[in-house]
């Protein structure tokens, strides 16, 4: 499947930055980082690698790229020094088959922790009898 994408210079520069930091680790870091940058510009919190794996993309400037199969791509990205699992300070975070720019992973992680925390400590002032009756 070939997808046309709106890969801007900022996305390519971020991809090139990640590739320079990970010199010698594999060429697919550039593509993953550039696509992750593009995904956040499009309003997504992360790049769903499974949606792009084994496909081809053509950028607006005419450049074309081939995405690897999902399993080898995930293995290559997980082994990269510029991609971590969240605990390490890296520019990108890989979680399952989603690739995040660190900032967006931190935002999503903070929201998840807040929601989980609120669920574990319900409001003590909540009148459970009134709530049950209303339900």
N, C-alpha and C. Protein backbone atom coordinates (compact mmCIF):
# COMPACT_ATOMS: atom_id res chain seq x y z
N UNK A 1 0.84 -1.17 0.00
CA UNK A 1 0.00 0.00 0.00
C UNK A 1 0.90 1.25 0.00
N UNK A 2 0.59 2.20 -0.84
CA UNK A 2 1.34 3.44 -0.93
C UNK A 2 0.49 4.55 -0.33
N UNK A 3 1.08 5.29 0.60
CA UNK A 3 0.39 6.42 1.22
C UNK A 3 1.12 7.70 0.86
N UNK A 4 0.37 8.70 0.46
CA UNK A 4 0.95 10.02 0.24
C UNK A 4 0.91 10.75 1.58
N UNK A 5 2.01 11.37 1.94
CA UNK A 5 2.08 12.03 3.23
C UNK A 5 2.52 13.47 3.09
N UNK A 6 2.23 14.24 4.10
CA UNK A 6 2.60 15.65 4.13
C UNK A 6 3.81 15.80 5.05
N UNK A 7 4.94 15.26 4.62
CA UNK A 7 6.17 15.31 5.40
C UNK A 7 6.84 16.65 5.14
N UNK A 8 6.87 17.49 6.15
CA UNK A 8 7.46 18.82 6.01
C UNK A 8 8.94 18.79 6.37
N UNK A 9 9.61 19.90 6.11
CA UNK A 9 11.05 20.00 6.41
C UNK A 9 11.31 19.76 7.88
N UNK A 10 10.43 20.25 8.78
CA UNK A 10 10.64 20.06 10.22
C UNK A 10 10.65 18.57 10.57
N UNK A 11 9.78 17.78 9.91
CA UNK A 11 9.73 16.34 10.16
C UNK A 11 11.02 15.68 9.68
N UNK A 12 11.45 16.05 8.48
CA UNK A 12 12.70 15.49 7.95
C UNK A 12 13.90 15.88 8.79
N UNK A 13 13.92 17.11 9.28
CA UNK A 13 15.04 17.55 10.12
C UNK A 13 15.05 16.78 11.43
N UNK A 14 13.88 16.54 12.02
CA UNK A 14 13.83 15.76 13.25
C UNK A 14 14.28 14.33 12.99
N UNK A 15 13.83 13.76 11.87
CA UNK A 15 14.27 12.41 11.51
C UNK A 15 15.78 12.33 11.31
N UNK A 16 16.33 13.35 10.64
CA UNK A 16 17.78 13.39 10.42
C UNK A 16 18.53 13.55 11.74
N UNK A 17 17.98 14.36 12.65
CA UNK A 17 18.58 14.54 13.98
C UNK A 17 18.63 13.20 14.72
N UNK A 18 17.51 12.47 14.72
CA UNK A 18 17.46 11.17 15.39
C UNK A 18 18.43 10.19 14.74
N UNK A 19 18.50 10.22 13.41
CA UNK A 19 19.41 9.32 12.70
C UNK A 19 20.87 9.64 13.02
N UNK A 20 21.20 10.93 13.11
CA UNK A 20 22.59 11.31 13.46
C UNK A 20 22.93 10.82 14.86
N UNK A 21 21.99 10.96 15.80
CA UNK A 21 22.25 10.51 17.18
C UNK A 21 22.41 9.00 17.25
N UNK A 22 21.76 8.30 16.34
CA UNK A 22 21.80 6.84 16.37
C UNK A 22 22.68 6.29 15.26
N UNK A 23 23.71 7.02 14.89
CA UNK A 23 24.58 6.64 13.77
C UNK A 23 24.99 5.18 13.85
N UNK A 24 24.80 4.48 12.75
CA UNK A 24 25.22 3.08 12.68
C UNK A 24 24.22 2.09 13.23
N UNK A 25 23.07 2.56 13.72
CA UNK A 25 22.10 1.65 14.32
C UNK A 25 21.03 1.18 13.34
N UNK A 26 20.98 1.71 12.17
CA UNK A 26 19.98 1.30 11.19
C UNK A 26 19.29 2.51 10.59
N UNK A 27 18.91 2.38 9.34
CA UNK A 27 18.35 3.50 8.61
C UNK A 27 16.89 3.79 8.86
N UNK A 28 16.20 2.91 9.56
CA UNK A 28 14.76 3.11 9.74
C UNK A 28 14.42 4.03 10.91
N UNK A 29 15.43 4.44 11.66
CA UNK A 29 15.19 5.41 12.74
C UNK A 29 14.78 6.75 12.14
N UNK A 30 15.44 7.16 11.06
CA UNK A 30 15.07 8.40 10.38
C UNK A 30 13.60 8.40 10.02
N UNK A 31 13.16 7.36 9.34
CA UNK A 31 11.78 7.29 8.86
C UNK A 31 10.80 7.29 10.03
N UNK A 32 11.06 6.51 11.06
CA UNK A 32 10.15 6.44 12.20
C UNK A 32 10.06 7.79 12.92
N UNK A 33 11.20 8.44 13.11
CA UNK A 33 11.21 9.74 13.80
C UNK A 33 10.49 10.80 12.97
N UNK A 34 10.73 10.81 11.67
CA UNK A 34 10.06 11.78 10.80
C UNK A 34 8.55 11.56 10.78
N UNK A 35 8.13 10.30 10.72
CA UNK A 35 6.70 10.00 10.73
C UNK A 35 6.06 10.33 12.09
N UNK A 36 6.80 10.12 13.17
CA UNK A 36 6.28 10.48 14.50
C UNK A 36 6.09 11.98 14.61
N UNK A 37 7.03 12.74 14.07
CA UNK A 37 6.90 14.20 14.06
C UNK A 37 5.69 14.63 13.25
N UNK A 38 5.51 14.01 12.09
CA UNK A 38 4.36 14.32 11.24
C UNK A 38 3.05 13.98 11.93
N UNK A 39 3.02 12.85 12.63
CA UNK A 39 1.79 12.42 13.32
C UNK A 39 1.38 13.42 14.40
N UNK A 40 2.35 13.94 15.13
CA UNK A 40 2.00 14.91 16.18
C UNK A 40 1.52 16.22 15.56
N UNK A 41 2.09 16.62 14.45
CA UNK A 41 1.59 17.82 13.77
C UNK A 41 0.15 17.63 13.30
N UNK A 42 -0.21 16.39 12.98
CA UNK A 42 -1.56 16.08 12.51
C UNK A 42 -2.54 15.90 13.67
N UNK A 43 -2.07 16.09 14.91
CA UNK A 43 -2.96 16.02 16.06
C UNK A 43 -2.97 14.70 16.81
N UNK A 44 -2.09 13.79 16.44
CA UNK A 44 -2.02 12.50 17.13
C UNK A 44 -0.98 12.56 18.23
N UNK A 45 -1.19 11.79 19.29
CA UNK A 45 -0.23 11.74 20.39
C UNK A 45 0.99 10.89 20.03
N UNK A 46 0.81 9.99 19.07
CA UNK A 46 1.90 9.07 18.72
C UNK A 46 1.74 8.57 17.30
N UNK A 47 2.73 7.81 16.87
CA UNK A 47 2.69 7.15 15.57
C UNK A 47 2.37 5.69 15.79
N UNK A 48 1.30 5.21 15.18
CA UNK A 48 0.95 3.80 15.24
C UNK A 48 1.77 3.08 14.17
N UNK A 49 2.85 2.45 14.57
CA UNK A 49 3.76 1.82 13.62
C UNK A 49 3.09 0.71 12.83
N UNK A 50 2.12 0.03 13.44
CA UNK A 50 1.46 -1.08 12.73
C UNK A 50 0.67 -0.57 11.52
N UNK A 51 0.22 0.68 11.55
CA UNK A 51 -0.52 1.24 10.43
C UNK A 51 0.41 1.59 9.26
N UNK A 52 1.68 1.71 9.51
CA UNK A 52 2.64 2.12 8.48
C UNK A 52 3.54 0.98 8.03
N UNK A 53 3.67 -0.06 8.86
CA UNK A 53 4.60 -1.16 8.58
C UNK A 53 4.30 -1.82 7.24
N UNK A 54 5.36 -2.18 6.55
CA UNK A 54 5.32 -2.89 5.27
C UNK A 54 4.65 -2.09 4.16
N UNK A 55 4.54 -0.80 4.35
CA UNK A 55 3.95 0.05 3.32
C UNK A 55 4.98 0.96 2.71
N UNK A 56 4.55 1.69 1.74
CA UNK A 56 5.41 2.69 1.09
C UNK A 56 4.77 4.04 1.27
N UNK A 57 5.60 5.05 1.43
CA UNK A 57 5.10 6.41 1.57
C UNK A 57 5.80 7.31 0.56
N UNK A 58 5.04 8.25 0.06
CA UNK A 58 5.57 9.24 -0.86
C UNK A 58 5.30 10.60 -0.24
N UNK A 59 6.38 11.34 0.01
CA UNK A 59 6.25 12.66 0.61
C UNK A 59 5.83 13.67 -0.45
N UNK A 60 5.32 14.79 0.01
CA UNK A 60 4.87 15.85 -0.89
C UNK A 60 6.00 16.33 -1.81
N UNK A 61 7.24 16.24 -1.33
CA UNK A 61 8.37 16.70 -2.16
C UNK A 61 8.83 15.64 -3.17
N UNK A 62 8.13 14.50 -3.21
CA UNK A 62 8.46 13.45 -4.16
C UNK A 62 9.35 12.34 -3.63
N UNK A 63 9.92 12.52 -2.45
CA UNK A 63 10.74 11.47 -1.85
C UNK A 63 9.86 10.28 -1.50
N UNK A 64 10.38 9.09 -1.72
CA UNK A 64 9.62 7.89 -1.37
C UNK A 64 10.42 7.05 -0.38
N UNK A 65 9.69 6.37 0.48
CA UNK A 65 10.30 5.56 1.54
C UNK A 65 9.53 4.25 1.64
N UNK A 66 10.24 3.19 1.99
CA UNK A 66 9.61 1.90 2.25
C UNK A 66 9.72 1.61 3.73
N UNK A 67 8.60 1.33 4.34
CA UNK A 67 8.58 0.98 5.76
C UNK A 67 8.82 -0.52 5.89
N UNK A 68 9.62 -0.92 6.87
CA UNK A 68 9.88 -2.35 7.05
C UNK A 68 8.66 -3.06 7.65
N UNK A 69 8.73 -4.37 7.68
CA UNK A 69 7.72 -5.17 8.37
C UNK A 69 7.72 -4.76 9.85
N UNK A 70 6.60 -4.96 10.53
CA UNK A 70 6.46 -4.46 11.90
C UNK A 70 7.47 -5.07 12.87
N UNK A 71 7.59 -6.38 12.91
CA UNK A 71 8.48 -7.01 13.91
C UNK A 71 9.93 -6.56 13.80
N UNK A 72 10.54 -6.59 12.60
CA UNK A 72 11.93 -6.12 12.53
C UNK A 72 12.05 -4.61 12.81
N UNK A 73 11.04 -3.85 12.43
CA UNK A 73 11.06 -2.41 12.68
C UNK A 73 11.04 -2.15 14.18
N UNK A 74 10.15 -2.83 14.90
CA UNK A 74 10.08 -2.68 16.36
C UNK A 74 11.40 -3.08 17.01
N UNK A 75 11.99 -4.17 16.55
CA UNK A 75 13.27 -4.63 17.12
C UNK A 75 14.36 -3.60 16.88
N UNK A 76 14.42 -3.05 15.67
CA UNK A 76 15.43 -2.05 15.36
C UNK A 76 15.24 -0.80 16.21
N UNK A 77 14.00 -0.35 16.34
CA UNK A 77 13.74 0.86 17.11
C UNK A 77 14.01 0.64 18.60
N UNK A 78 13.63 -0.53 19.12
CA UNK A 78 13.87 -0.83 20.53
C UNK A 78 15.36 -0.88 20.86
N UNK A 79 16.18 -1.25 19.89
CA UNK A 79 17.63 -1.34 20.10
C UNK A 79 18.33 0.00 19.94
N UNK A 80 17.62 1.01 19.46
CA UNK A 80 18.23 2.31 19.20
C UNK A 80 18.50 3.08 20.49
N UNK A 81 19.60 3.79 20.50
CA UNK A 81 19.95 4.60 21.68
C UNK A 81 19.11 5.87 21.79
N UNK A 82 18.40 6.25 20.74
CA UNK A 82 17.58 7.47 20.80
C UNK A 82 16.12 7.16 21.11
N UNK A 83 15.82 5.87 21.29
CA UNK A 83 14.44 5.46 21.58
C UNK A 83 14.45 4.63 22.84
N UNK A 84 13.65 5.04 23.82
CA UNK A 84 13.59 4.33 25.08
C UNK A 84 12.20 3.81 25.36
N UNK A 85 12.05 3.26 26.56
CA UNK A 85 10.76 2.71 26.97
C UNK A 85 10.05 3.63 27.95
N UNK A 86 10.56 4.84 28.13
CA UNK A 86 9.93 5.79 29.03
C UNK A 86 10.77 6.10 30.25
N UNK A 87 11.49 5.10 30.77
CA UNK A 87 12.32 5.32 31.94
C UNK A 87 13.59 6.09 31.60
N UNK A 88 14.11 5.85 30.41
CA UNK A 88 15.33 6.53 29.97
C UNK A 88 14.96 7.89 29.38
N UNK A 89 15.90 8.82 29.44
CA UNK A 89 15.67 10.12 28.82
C UNK A 89 16.16 10.04 27.38
N UNK A 90 15.22 9.84 26.48
CA UNK A 90 15.50 9.74 25.06
C UNK A 90 14.52 10.63 24.31
N UNK A 91 14.86 11.06 23.10
CA UNK A 91 13.94 11.94 22.36
C UNK A 91 12.65 11.24 21.94
N UNK A 92 12.70 9.91 21.83
CA UNK A 92 11.53 9.14 21.40
C UNK A 92 11.27 8.01 22.39
N UNK A 93 10.00 7.64 22.51
CA UNK A 93 9.60 6.56 23.42
C UNK A 93 8.78 5.55 22.62
N UNK A 94 9.17 4.28 22.74
CA UNK A 94 8.46 3.19 22.08
C UNK A 94 7.67 2.44 23.14
N UNK A 95 6.36 2.36 22.93
CA UNK A 95 5.48 1.62 23.84
C UNK A 95 4.59 0.73 22.99
N UNK A 96 4.77 -0.58 23.13
CA UNK A 96 4.09 -1.55 22.27
C UNK A 96 4.43 -1.22 20.82
N UNK A 97 3.44 -0.94 19.99
CA UNK A 97 3.76 -0.59 18.60
C UNK A 97 3.48 0.88 18.31
N UNK A 98 3.60 1.69 19.36
CA UNK A 98 3.40 3.14 19.22
C UNK A 98 4.70 3.87 19.52
N UNK A 99 5.02 4.84 18.67
CA UNK A 99 6.22 5.64 18.84
C UNK A 99 5.81 7.07 19.16
N UNK A 100 6.31 7.58 20.27
CA UNK A 100 5.96 8.91 20.76
C UNK A 100 7.17 9.83 20.72
N UNK A 101 6.95 11.09 20.48
CA UNK A 101 7.93 12.09 20.85
C UNK A 101 7.86 12.15 22.38
N UNK A 102 8.99 12.26 23.05
CA UNK A 102 9.02 12.16 24.51
C UNK A 102 7.96 13.03 25.18
N UNK A 103 7.85 14.28 24.77
CA UNK A 103 6.92 15.21 25.41
C UNK A 103 5.49 14.67 25.40
N UNK A 104 5.07 14.10 24.28
CA UNK A 104 3.70 13.61 24.17
C UNK A 104 3.50 12.34 24.99
N UNK A 105 4.54 11.51 25.09
CA UNK A 105 4.45 10.33 25.94
C UNK A 105 4.29 10.77 27.41
N UNK A 106 5.07 11.79 27.81
CA UNK A 106 4.96 12.29 29.18
C UNK A 106 3.58 12.86 29.46
N UNK A 107 2.99 13.59 28.51
CA UNK A 107 1.64 14.12 28.68
C UNK A 107 0.64 12.98 28.87
N UNK A 108 0.71 11.99 27.99
CA UNK A 108 -0.23 10.87 28.07
C UNK A 108 -0.04 10.08 29.36
N UNK A 109 1.20 9.89 29.77
CA UNK A 109 1.50 9.18 31.01
C UNK A 109 0.94 9.93 32.22
N UNK A 110 1.08 11.26 32.25
CA UNK A 110 0.57 12.06 33.36
C UNK A 110 -0.95 11.99 33.44
N UNK A 111 -1.62 12.05 32.31
CA UNK A 111 -3.08 11.96 32.30
C UNK A 111 -3.52 10.59 32.79
N UNK A 112 -2.88 9.53 32.31
CA UNK A 112 -3.24 8.17 32.74
C UNK A 112 -3.04 8.00 34.24
N UNK A 113 -1.93 8.49 34.78
CA UNK A 113 -1.69 8.38 36.22
C UNK A 113 -2.72 9.16 37.02
N UNK A 114 -3.11 10.33 36.52
CA UNK A 114 -4.12 11.13 37.20
C UNK A 114 -5.46 10.40 37.23
N UNK A 115 -5.89 9.85 36.09
CA UNK A 115 -7.17 9.15 36.01
C UNK A 115 -7.16 7.92 36.90
N UNK A 116 -6.07 7.16 36.87
CA UNK A 116 -5.96 5.97 37.72
C UNK A 116 -5.99 6.36 39.19
N UNK A 117 -5.26 7.42 39.53
CA UNK A 117 -5.24 7.90 40.91
C UNK A 117 -6.62 8.34 41.40
N UNK A 118 -7.35 9.04 40.56
CA UNK A 118 -8.70 9.49 40.92
C UNK A 118 -9.62 8.30 41.11
N UNK A 119 -9.44 7.26 40.32
CA UNK A 119 -10.28 6.07 40.43
C UNK A 119 -10.01 5.28 41.70
N UNK A 120 -8.81 5.37 42.21
CA UNK A 120 -8.44 4.63 43.42
C UNK A 120 -8.82 5.38 44.69
N UNK A 121 -9.08 6.67 44.57
CA UNK A 121 -9.40 7.49 45.74
C UNK A 121 -10.66 8.32 45.46
N UNK A 122 -11.81 7.65 45.47
CA UNK A 122 -13.04 8.41 45.19
C UNK A 122 -13.28 9.48 46.25
N UNK A 123 -14.02 10.47 45.86
CA UNK A 123 -14.36 11.57 46.77
C UNK A 123 -15.03 11.05 48.03
N UNK A 124 -14.48 11.37 49.20
CA UNK A 124 -15.06 10.93 50.47
C UNK A 124 -16.40 11.62 50.73
N UNK A 125 -16.60 12.79 50.14
CA UNK A 125 -17.84 13.54 50.37
C UNK A 125 -18.98 13.08 49.47
N UNK A 126 -18.72 12.13 48.60
CA UNK A 126 -19.74 11.66 47.68
C UNK A 126 -20.78 10.86 48.42
N UNK A 127 -22.02 11.25 48.32
CA UNK A 127 -23.12 10.56 49.00
C UNK A 127 -23.51 9.35 48.15
N UNK A 128 -22.99 8.17 48.52
CA UNK A 128 -23.20 6.96 47.74
C UNK A 128 -24.68 6.59 47.66
N UNK A 129 -25.45 6.83 48.74
CA UNK A 129 -26.88 6.51 48.73
C UNK A 129 -27.60 7.35 47.69
N UNK A 130 -27.27 8.64 47.63
CA UNK A 130 -27.91 9.53 46.65
C UNK A 130 -27.51 9.14 45.23
N UNK A 131 -26.25 8.78 45.07
CA UNK A 131 -25.77 8.39 43.75
C UNK A 131 -26.46 7.11 43.29
N UNK A 132 -26.56 6.12 44.16
CA UNK A 132 -27.21 4.85 43.83
C UNK A 132 -28.67 5.09 43.49
N UNK A 133 -29.32 5.96 44.21
CA UNK A 133 -30.73 6.27 43.95
C UNK A 133 -30.89 6.96 42.59
N UNK A 134 -29.99 7.84 42.27
CA UNK A 134 -30.05 8.56 41.00
C UNK A 134 -29.78 7.64 39.82
N UNK A 135 -28.97 6.64 40.04
CA UNK A 135 -28.65 5.70 38.94
C UNK A 135 -29.83 4.82 38.67
